[in-house]
């Protein structure tokens, strides 16, 4: 696994992972600038550490359980499995990015700020996606005994 260097301002690996996820065409500086601006705005609004807020929002988006396809004797079952921490945070970052890209117009900083605040309040696209995945796992609970991951 690649060693990820913490970001320059907050010294947090999760912020770097978020920047890497949002980055397009290798323009990391543009993304980092937008993230820092969004974090500054969030700090002004909520008078709390933006890193705490970001981690809390990420935690609200992180799935605890998901379904995996498992083929047994010609039939494919959707088997609910627990999500490892690393995959959970990767999915959360992916869903946040998708949520951000679905917001039209505005600057990237505004979109990032919006997405984080929505996730903090358990709203928005990313949280909806997590709930969708959870419902899918609940619906296929009967196949939990087939899990072997």
N, C-alpha and C. Protein backbone atom coordinates (compact mmCIF):
# COMPACT_ATOMS: atom_id res chain seq x y z
N UNK A 1 0.84 -1.19 0.00
CA UNK A 1 0.00 0.00 0.00
C UNK A 1 0.89 1.25 0.00
N UNK A 2 0.46 2.25 -0.75
CA UNK A 2 1.19 3.50 -0.88
C UNK A 2 1.16 4.29 0.43
N UNK A 3 2.26 4.94 0.76
CA UNK A 3 2.31 5.79 1.96
C UNK A 3 1.72 7.14 1.60
N UNK A 4 0.71 7.57 2.33
CA UNK A 4 0.06 8.85 2.05
C UNK A 4 0.59 9.89 3.03
N UNK A 5 1.06 11.00 2.49
CA UNK A 5 1.63 12.07 3.32
C UNK A 5 0.49 12.96 3.80
N UNK A 6 0.47 13.30 5.10
CA UNK A 6 -0.58 14.19 5.63
C UNK A 6 -0.57 15.55 4.93
N UNK A 7 -1.72 16.22 4.93
CA UNK A 7 -1.80 17.52 4.23
C UNK A 7 -0.98 18.58 4.97
N UNK A 8 -0.70 19.68 4.28
CA UNK A 8 0.21 20.70 4.80
C UNK A 8 -0.37 21.50 5.96
N UNK A 9 -1.65 21.83 5.89
CA UNK A 9 -2.24 22.75 6.88
C UNK A 9 -2.67 22.04 8.17
N UNK A 10 -3.39 20.94 8.04
CA UNK A 10 -3.97 20.28 9.22
C UNK A 10 -3.20 19.03 9.68
N UNK A 11 -2.24 18.60 8.87
CA UNK A 11 -1.43 17.41 9.18
C UNK A 11 -2.30 16.17 9.39
N UNK A 12 -3.32 16.02 8.54
CA UNK A 12 -4.24 14.89 8.63
C UNK A 12 -4.20 14.08 7.33
N UNK A 13 -4.07 12.77 7.45
CA UNK A 13 -4.03 11.90 6.28
C UNK A 13 -5.40 11.86 5.59
N UNK A 14 -6.47 11.91 6.37
CA UNK A 14 -7.82 11.81 5.79
C UNK A 14 -8.11 12.99 4.85
N UNK A 15 -7.55 14.17 5.18
CA UNK A 15 -7.74 15.35 4.32
C UNK A 15 -7.01 15.13 2.99
N UNK A 16 -5.82 14.54 3.06
CA UNK A 16 -5.06 14.23 1.84
C UNK A 16 -5.82 13.21 0.99
N UNK A 17 -6.37 12.19 1.64
CA UNK A 17 -7.13 11.18 0.91
C UNK A 17 -8.34 11.81 0.23
N UNK A 18 -8.99 12.76 0.93
CA UNK A 18 -10.15 13.46 0.36
C UNK A 18 -9.71 14.29 -0.85
N UNK A 19 -8.58 15.00 -0.72
CA UNK A 19 -8.06 15.82 -1.83
C UNK A 19 -7.72 14.92 -3.02
N UNK A 20 -7.07 13.79 -2.75
CA UNK A 20 -6.71 12.86 -3.82
C UNK A 20 -7.96 12.34 -4.53
N UNK A 21 -9.01 12.10 -3.77
CA UNK A 21 -10.26 11.58 -4.34
C UNK A 21 -10.93 12.64 -5.22
N UNK A 22 -10.90 13.90 -4.77
CA UNK A 22 -11.57 14.98 -5.52
C UNK A 22 -10.77 15.45 -6.74
N UNK A 23 -9.47 15.22 -6.69
CA UNK A 23 -8.57 15.75 -7.71
C UNK A 23 -8.92 15.26 -9.12
N UNK A 24 -8.84 16.20 -10.06
CA UNK A 24 -9.03 15.86 -11.47
C UNK A 24 -7.83 16.37 -12.26
N UNK A 25 -7.36 15.59 -13.20
CA UNK A 25 -6.23 15.96 -14.07
C UNK A 25 -4.97 16.33 -13.29
N UNK A 26 -4.79 15.76 -12.10
CA UNK A 26 -3.57 15.99 -11.33
C UNK A 26 -3.46 17.37 -10.71
N UNK A 27 -4.56 18.10 -10.66
CA UNK A 27 -4.53 19.47 -10.13
C UNK A 27 -4.84 19.47 -8.63
N UNK A 28 -3.90 18.96 -7.86
CA UNK A 28 -4.09 18.82 -6.43
C UNK A 28 -4.15 20.17 -5.71
N UNK A 29 -3.32 21.12 -6.16
CA UNK A 29 -3.27 22.44 -5.52
C UNK A 29 -4.64 23.13 -5.57
N UNK A 30 -5.32 22.99 -6.70
CA UNK A 30 -6.65 23.60 -6.87
C UNK A 30 -7.63 23.00 -5.86
N UNK A 31 -7.60 21.68 -5.74
CA UNK A 31 -8.51 20.98 -4.83
C UNK A 31 -8.19 21.32 -3.38
N UNK A 32 -6.90 21.31 -3.02
CA UNK A 32 -6.51 21.63 -1.64
C UNK A 32 -6.95 23.03 -1.26
N UNK A 33 -6.78 23.98 -2.18
CA UNK A 33 -7.18 25.36 -1.94
C UNK A 33 -8.69 25.43 -1.65
N UNK A 34 -9.47 24.70 -2.45
CA UNK A 34 -10.92 24.68 -2.28
C UNK A 34 -11.30 24.04 -0.95
N UNK A 35 -10.63 22.94 -0.58
CA UNK A 35 -10.92 22.25 0.68
C UNK A 35 -10.61 23.17 1.86
N UNK A 36 -9.44 23.83 1.82
CA UNK A 36 -9.06 24.73 2.92
C UNK A 36 -10.02 25.90 3.05
N UNK A 37 -10.47 26.43 1.90
CA UNK A 37 -11.43 27.53 1.92
C UNK A 37 -12.76 27.06 2.53
N UNK A 38 -13.19 25.86 2.12
CA UNK A 38 -14.44 25.29 2.66
C UNK A 38 -14.30 25.08 4.16
N UNK A 39 -13.15 24.55 4.60
CA UNK A 39 -12.91 24.32 6.03
C UNK A 39 -12.94 25.64 6.82
N UNK A 40 -12.34 26.71 6.24
CA UNK A 40 -12.34 28.02 6.90
C UNK A 40 -13.77 28.54 7.05
N UNK A 41 -14.58 28.38 6.00
CA UNK A 41 -15.98 28.82 6.05
C UNK A 41 -16.76 28.03 7.10
N UNK A 42 -16.53 26.73 7.15
CA UNK A 42 -17.21 25.88 8.13
C UNK A 42 -16.82 26.30 9.54
N UNK A 43 -15.54 26.58 9.73
CA UNK A 43 -15.05 27.00 11.06
C UNK A 43 -15.71 28.30 11.49
N UNK A 44 -15.85 29.24 10.55
CA UNK A 44 -16.50 30.52 10.84
C UNK A 44 -17.97 30.31 11.21
N UNK A 45 -18.64 29.43 10.46
CA UNK A 45 -20.07 29.18 10.69
C UNK A 45 -20.33 28.49 12.02
N UNK A 46 -19.59 27.41 12.29
CA UNK A 46 -19.90 26.55 13.43
C UNK A 46 -19.00 26.76 14.65
N UNK A 47 -17.98 27.60 14.52
CA UNK A 47 -17.06 27.92 15.63
C UNK A 47 -16.48 26.66 16.28
N UNK A 48 -16.14 25.67 15.43
CA UNK A 48 -15.51 24.42 15.89
C UNK A 48 -14.38 24.06 14.96
N UNK A 49 -13.54 23.15 15.38
CA UNK A 49 -12.43 22.69 14.55
C UNK A 49 -12.99 22.04 13.28
N UNK A 50 -12.54 22.51 12.10
CA UNK A 50 -13.06 21.94 10.86
C UNK A 50 -12.71 20.46 10.70
N UNK A 51 -11.59 20.05 11.28
CA UNK A 51 -11.19 18.63 11.18
C UNK A 51 -12.17 17.76 11.97
N UNK A 52 -12.55 18.20 13.18
CA UNK A 52 -13.56 17.47 13.97
C UNK A 52 -14.85 17.35 13.18
N UNK A 53 -15.28 18.47 12.60
CA UNK A 53 -16.52 18.50 11.84
C UNK A 53 -16.44 17.57 10.63
N UNK A 54 -15.30 17.61 9.92
CA UNK A 54 -15.11 16.76 8.74
C UNK A 54 -15.15 15.29 9.13
N UNK A 55 -14.46 14.95 10.22
CA UNK A 55 -14.43 13.55 10.66
C UNK A 55 -15.82 13.08 11.09
N UNK A 56 -16.57 13.96 11.75
CA UNK A 56 -17.93 13.62 12.17
C UNK A 56 -18.84 13.42 10.95
N UNK A 57 -18.70 14.30 9.96
CA UNK A 57 -19.48 14.19 8.72
C UNK A 57 -19.13 12.89 8.00
N UNK A 58 -17.84 12.59 7.94
CA UNK A 58 -17.37 11.37 7.29
C UNK A 58 -17.92 10.14 8.01
N UNK A 59 -17.94 10.21 9.32
CA UNK A 59 -18.47 9.11 10.13
C UNK A 59 -19.96 8.89 9.85
N UNK A 60 -20.70 9.98 9.61
CA UNK A 60 -22.12 9.87 9.29
C UNK A 60 -22.35 9.21 7.93
N UNK A 61 -21.37 9.30 7.05
CA UNK A 61 -21.50 8.75 5.70
C UNK A 61 -20.94 7.32 5.61
N UNK A 62 -20.04 6.96 6.52
CA UNK A 62 -19.37 5.65 6.46
C UNK A 62 -20.35 4.51 6.70
N UNK A 63 -20.39 3.54 5.76
CA UNK A 63 -21.29 2.39 5.95
C UNK A 63 -20.71 1.39 6.95
N UNK A 64 -21.57 0.74 7.71
CA UNK A 64 -21.13 -0.27 8.68
C UNK A 64 -21.27 -1.67 8.08
N UNK A 65 -22.21 -1.79 7.13
CA UNK A 65 -22.52 -3.10 6.54
C UNK A 65 -22.87 -2.89 5.06
N UNK A 66 -22.48 -3.84 4.23
CA UNK A 66 -22.80 -3.76 2.80
C UNK A 66 -23.11 -5.16 2.28
N UNK A 67 -23.57 -5.25 1.04
CA UNK A 67 -23.82 -6.56 0.45
C UNK A 67 -22.75 -6.89 -0.57
N UNK A 68 -22.37 -8.15 -0.59
CA UNK A 68 -21.41 -8.66 -1.56
C UNK A 68 -22.09 -9.82 -2.29
N UNK A 69 -21.84 -9.93 -3.58
CA UNK A 69 -22.41 -11.04 -4.34
C UNK A 69 -21.62 -12.30 -4.06
N UNK A 70 -22.35 -13.39 -3.88
CA UNK A 70 -21.70 -14.68 -3.63
C UNK A 70 -22.44 -15.73 -4.43
N UNK A 71 -21.70 -16.46 -5.25
CA UNK A 71 -22.31 -17.45 -6.12
C UNK A 71 -22.23 -18.82 -5.47
N UNK A 72 -23.40 -19.43 -5.28
CA UNK A 72 -23.44 -20.76 -4.67
C UNK A 72 -24.36 -21.64 -5.51
N UNK A 73 -23.78 -22.68 -6.09
CA UNK A 73 -24.56 -23.65 -6.86
C UNK A 73 -25.44 -23.06 -7.93
N UNK A 74 -24.92 -22.16 -8.73
CA UNK A 74 -25.70 -21.63 -9.84
C UNK A 74 -26.55 -20.42 -9.49
N UNK A 75 -26.73 -20.15 -8.21
CA UNK A 75 -27.51 -18.98 -7.80
C UNK A 75 -26.58 -17.94 -7.20
N UNK A 76 -26.88 -16.68 -7.45
CA UNK A 76 -26.09 -15.60 -6.88
C UNK A 76 -26.88 -14.95 -5.76
N UNK A 77 -26.27 -14.86 -4.59
CA UNK A 77 -26.93 -14.26 -3.42
C UNK A 77 -26.24 -12.96 -3.05
N UNK A 78 -27.03 -12.02 -2.59
CA UNK A 78 -26.48 -10.78 -2.05
C UNK A 78 -26.29 -11.02 -0.56
N UNK A 79 -25.05 -11.21 -0.14
CA UNK A 79 -24.76 -11.57 1.25
C UNK A 79 -24.30 -10.33 2.02
N UNK A 80 -24.98 -9.99 3.12
CA UNK A 80 -24.53 -8.84 3.91
C UNK A 80 -23.24 -9.16 4.67
N UNK A 81 -22.26 -8.24 4.59
CA UNK A 81 -21.00 -8.40 5.31
C UNK A 81 -20.63 -7.08 5.98
N UNK A 82 -19.87 -7.18 7.08
CA UNK A 82 -19.39 -5.97 7.74
C UNK A 82 -18.34 -5.30 6.87
N UNK A 83 -18.29 -3.98 6.93
CA UNK A 83 -17.34 -3.23 6.13
C UNK A 83 -16.09 -2.94 6.96
N UNK A 84 -14.90 -3.34 6.47
CA UNK A 84 -13.66 -3.01 7.18
C UNK A 84 -13.48 -1.48 7.23
N UNK A 85 -12.78 -0.98 8.23
CA UNK A 85 -12.62 0.46 8.45
C UNK A 85 -12.05 1.17 7.22
N UNK A 86 -11.01 0.62 6.64
CA UNK A 86 -10.36 1.27 5.49
C UNK A 86 -11.32 1.37 4.30
N UNK A 87 -12.06 0.30 4.02
CA UNK A 87 -13.02 0.32 2.92
C UNK A 87 -14.17 1.27 3.23
N UNK A 88 -14.59 1.28 4.49
CA UNK A 88 -15.68 2.17 4.90
C UNK A 88 -15.34 3.63 4.63
N UNK A 89 -14.13 4.03 5.03
CA UNK A 89 -13.74 5.43 4.80
C UNK A 89 -13.55 5.70 3.31
N UNK A 90 -13.06 4.72 2.56
CA UNK A 90 -12.90 4.89 1.12
C UNK A 90 -14.26 5.08 0.44
N UNK A 91 -15.25 4.27 0.86
CA UNK A 91 -16.61 4.43 0.32
C UNK A 91 -17.20 5.79 0.69
N UNK A 92 -16.98 6.20 1.94
CA UNK A 92 -17.49 7.49 2.40
C UNK A 92 -16.92 8.63 1.55
N UNK A 93 -15.61 8.59 1.32
CA UNK A 93 -14.97 9.63 0.50
C UNK A 93 -15.51 9.60 -0.94
N UNK A 94 -15.69 8.40 -1.46
CA UNK A 94 -16.21 8.24 -2.82
C UNK A 94 -17.61 8.82 -2.93
N UNK A 95 -18.45 8.50 -1.94
CA UNK A 95 -19.83 8.99 -1.97
C UNK A 95 -19.89 10.50 -1.77
N UNK A 96 -19.01 11.04 -0.93
CA UNK A 96 -18.95 12.50 -0.75
C UNK A 96 -18.59 13.15 -2.08
N UNK A 97 -17.61 12.57 -2.77
CA UNK A 97 -17.19 13.13 -4.07
C UNK A 97 -18.36 13.11 -5.05
N UNK A 98 -19.07 11.99 -5.11
CA UNK A 98 -20.20 11.88 -6.03
C UNK A 98 -21.27 12.91 -5.66
N UNK A 99 -21.52 13.06 -4.36
CA UNK A 99 -22.49 14.05 -3.90
C UNK A 99 -22.08 15.46 -4.30
N UNK A 100 -20.78 15.74 -4.20
CA UNK A 100 -20.26 17.06 -4.58
C UNK A 100 -20.42 17.28 -6.08
N UNK A 101 -20.14 16.26 -6.87
CA UNK A 101 -20.24 16.42 -8.32
C UNK A 101 -21.68 16.55 -8.79
N UNK A 102 -22.63 16.06 -8.00
CA UNK A 102 -24.05 16.18 -8.36
C UNK A 102 -24.60 17.58 -8.09
N UNK A 103 -23.89 18.36 -7.25
CA UNK A 103 -24.32 19.73 -6.98
C UNK A 103 -23.92 20.58 -8.19
N UNK A 104 -24.86 21.26 -8.77
CA UNK A 104 -24.57 22.04 -9.98
C UNK A 104 -24.03 23.42 -9.65
N UNK A 105 -23.35 24.03 -10.64
CA UNK A 105 -22.87 25.39 -10.52
C UNK A 105 -21.92 25.61 -9.35
N UNK A 106 -21.82 26.85 -8.89
CA UNK A 106 -21.01 27.23 -7.72
C UNK A 106 -19.54 26.82 -7.79
N UNK A 107 -18.76 27.35 -6.89
CA UNK A 107 -17.34 27.02 -6.84
C UNK A 107 -17.15 25.69 -6.11
N UNK A 108 -16.00 25.07 -6.33
CA UNK A 108 -15.72 23.79 -5.68
C UNK A 108 -15.72 23.96 -4.16
N UNK A 109 -15.19 25.07 -3.66
CA UNK A 109 -15.14 25.31 -2.21
C UNK A 109 -16.55 25.31 -1.62
N UNK A 110 -17.49 25.97 -2.30
CA UNK A 110 -18.88 26.02 -1.84
C UNK A 110 -19.51 24.63 -1.86
N UNK A 111 -19.23 23.88 -2.92
CA UNK A 111 -19.78 22.52 -3.04
C UNK A 111 -19.27 21.64 -1.91
N UNK A 112 -17.96 21.71 -1.64
CA UNK A 112 -17.35 20.90 -0.58
C UNK A 112 -17.96 21.29 0.77
N UNK A 113 -18.07 22.58 1.01
CA UNK A 113 -18.67 23.08 2.26
C UNK A 113 -20.09 22.55 2.41
N UNK A 114 -20.89 22.66 1.35
CA UNK A 114 -22.27 22.18 1.36
C UNK A 114 -22.36 20.69 1.67
N UNK A 115 -21.54 19.91 0.97
CA UNK A 115 -21.57 18.45 1.13
C UNK A 115 -21.20 18.06 2.56
N UNK A 116 -20.20 18.71 3.14
CA UNK A 116 -19.76 18.39 4.51
C UNK A 116 -20.85 18.77 5.51
N UNK A 117 -21.43 19.95 5.34
CA UNK A 117 -22.49 20.38 6.26
C UNK A 117 -23.72 19.48 6.16
N UNK A 118 -24.06 19.06 4.94
CA UNK A 118 -25.19 18.14 4.76
C UNK A 118 -24.92 16.81 5.44
N UNK A 119 -23.72 16.29 5.25
CA UNK A 119 -23.35 15.00 5.87
C UNK A 119 -23.36 15.13 7.39
N UNK A 120 -22.97 16.29 7.89
CA UNK A 120 -22.97 16.53 9.34
C UNK A 120 -24.38 16.46 9.90
N UNK A 121 -25.35 16.93 9.12
CA UNK A 121 -26.75 16.93 9.55
C UNK A 121 -27.49 15.66 9.12
N UNK A 122 -26.76 14.65 8.66
CA UNK A 122 -27.34 13.40 8.17
C UNK A 122 -28.32 13.64 7.03
N UNK A 123 -27.93 14.51 6.11
CA UNK A 123 -28.73 14.79 4.91
C UNK A 123 -27.82 14.61 3.71
N UNK A 124 -28.35 14.86 2.55
CA UNK A 124 -27.52 14.88 1.35
C UNK A 124 -27.41 13.54 0.66
N UNK A 125 -26.79 13.56 -0.51
CA UNK A 125 -26.70 12.40 -1.37
C UNK A 125 -25.91 11.27 -0.73
N UNK A 126 -24.79 11.60 -0.11
CA UNK A 126 -23.89 10.57 0.45
C UNK A 126 -24.58 9.80 1.58
N UNK A 127 -25.32 10.50 2.42
CA UNK A 127 -26.03 9.83 3.53
C UNK A 127 -27.15 8.96 2.97
N UNK A 128 -27.82 9.46 1.93
CA UNK A 128 -28.89 8.69 1.29
C UNK A 128 -28.33 7.38 0.73
N UNK A 129 -27.14 7.46 0.14
CA UNK A 129 -26.48 6.30 -0.43
C UNK A 129 -26.14 5.28 0.67
N UNK A 130 -25.64 5.77 1.81
CA UNK A 130 -25.31 4.87 2.92
C UNK A 130 -26.57 4.15 3.42
N UNK A 131 -27.67 4.88 3.50
CA UNK A 131 -28.92 4.28 3.97
C UNK A 131 -29.45 3.25 2.96
N UNK A 132 -29.25 3.54 1.68
CA UNK A 132 -29.64 2.61 0.62
C UNK A 132 -28.89 1.28 0.77
N UNK A 133 -27.58 1.39 0.97
CA UNK A 133 -26.73 0.21 1.13
C UNK A 133 -27.15 -0.57 2.37
N UNK A 134 -27.48 0.14 3.45
CA UNK A 134 -27.91 -0.50 4.69
C UNK A 134 -29.23 -1.24 4.49
N UNK A 135 -30.18 -0.60 3.79
CA UNK A 135 -31.48 -1.24 3.52
C UNK A 135 -31.30 -2.51 2.71
N UNK A 136 -30.39 -2.46 1.75
CA UNK A 136 -30.10 -3.62 0.91
C UNK A 136 -29.58 -4.76 1.79
N UNK A 137 -28.69 -4.43 2.72
CA UNK A 137 -28.12 -5.44 3.61
C UNK A 137 -29.21 -6.01 4.53
N UNK A 138 -30.09 -5.14 5.03
CA UNK A 138 -31.18 -5.57 5.90
C UNK A 138 -32.12 -6.52 5.15
N UNK A 139 -32.42 -6.18 3.89
CA UNK A 139 -33.34 -6.99 3.10
C UNK A 139 -32.77 -8.38 2.83
N UNK A 140 -31.46 -8.49 2.80
CA UNK A 140 -30.82 -9.77 2.49
C UNK A 140 -30.22 -10.43 3.73
N UNK A 141 -30.73 -10.05 4.87
CA UNK A 141 -30.24 -10.59 6.15
C UNK A 141 -30.35 -12.11 6.21
N UNK A 142 -31.31 -12.66 5.51
CA UNK A 142 -31.54 -14.12 5.52
C UNK A 142 -30.33 -14.89 4.98
N UNK A 143 -29.51 -14.22 4.15
CA UNK A 143 -28.36 -14.89 3.56
C UNK A 143 -27.07 -14.66 4.33
N UNK A 144 -27.17 -14.05 5.52
CA UNK A 144 -25.98 -13.72 6.30
C UNK A 144 -25.13 -14.96 6.62
N UNK A 145 -25.78 -16.11 6.74
CA UNK A 145 -25.06 -17.33 7.09
C UNK A 145 -24.14 -17.80 5.94
N UNK A 146 -24.31 -17.22 4.76
CA UNK A 146 -23.47 -17.59 3.62
C UNK A 146 -22.18 -16.78 3.55
N UNK A 147 -22.05 -15.79 4.41
CA UNK A 147 -20.86 -14.92 4.39
C UNK A 147 -19.60 -15.73 4.68
N UNK A 148 -18.57 -15.44 3.89
CA UNK A 148 -17.32 -16.16 4.10
C UNK A 148 -16.13 -15.26 3.78
N UNK A 149 -16.31 -13.95 3.93
CA UNK A 149 -15.25 -13.02 3.57
C UNK A 149 -14.38 -12.70 4.76
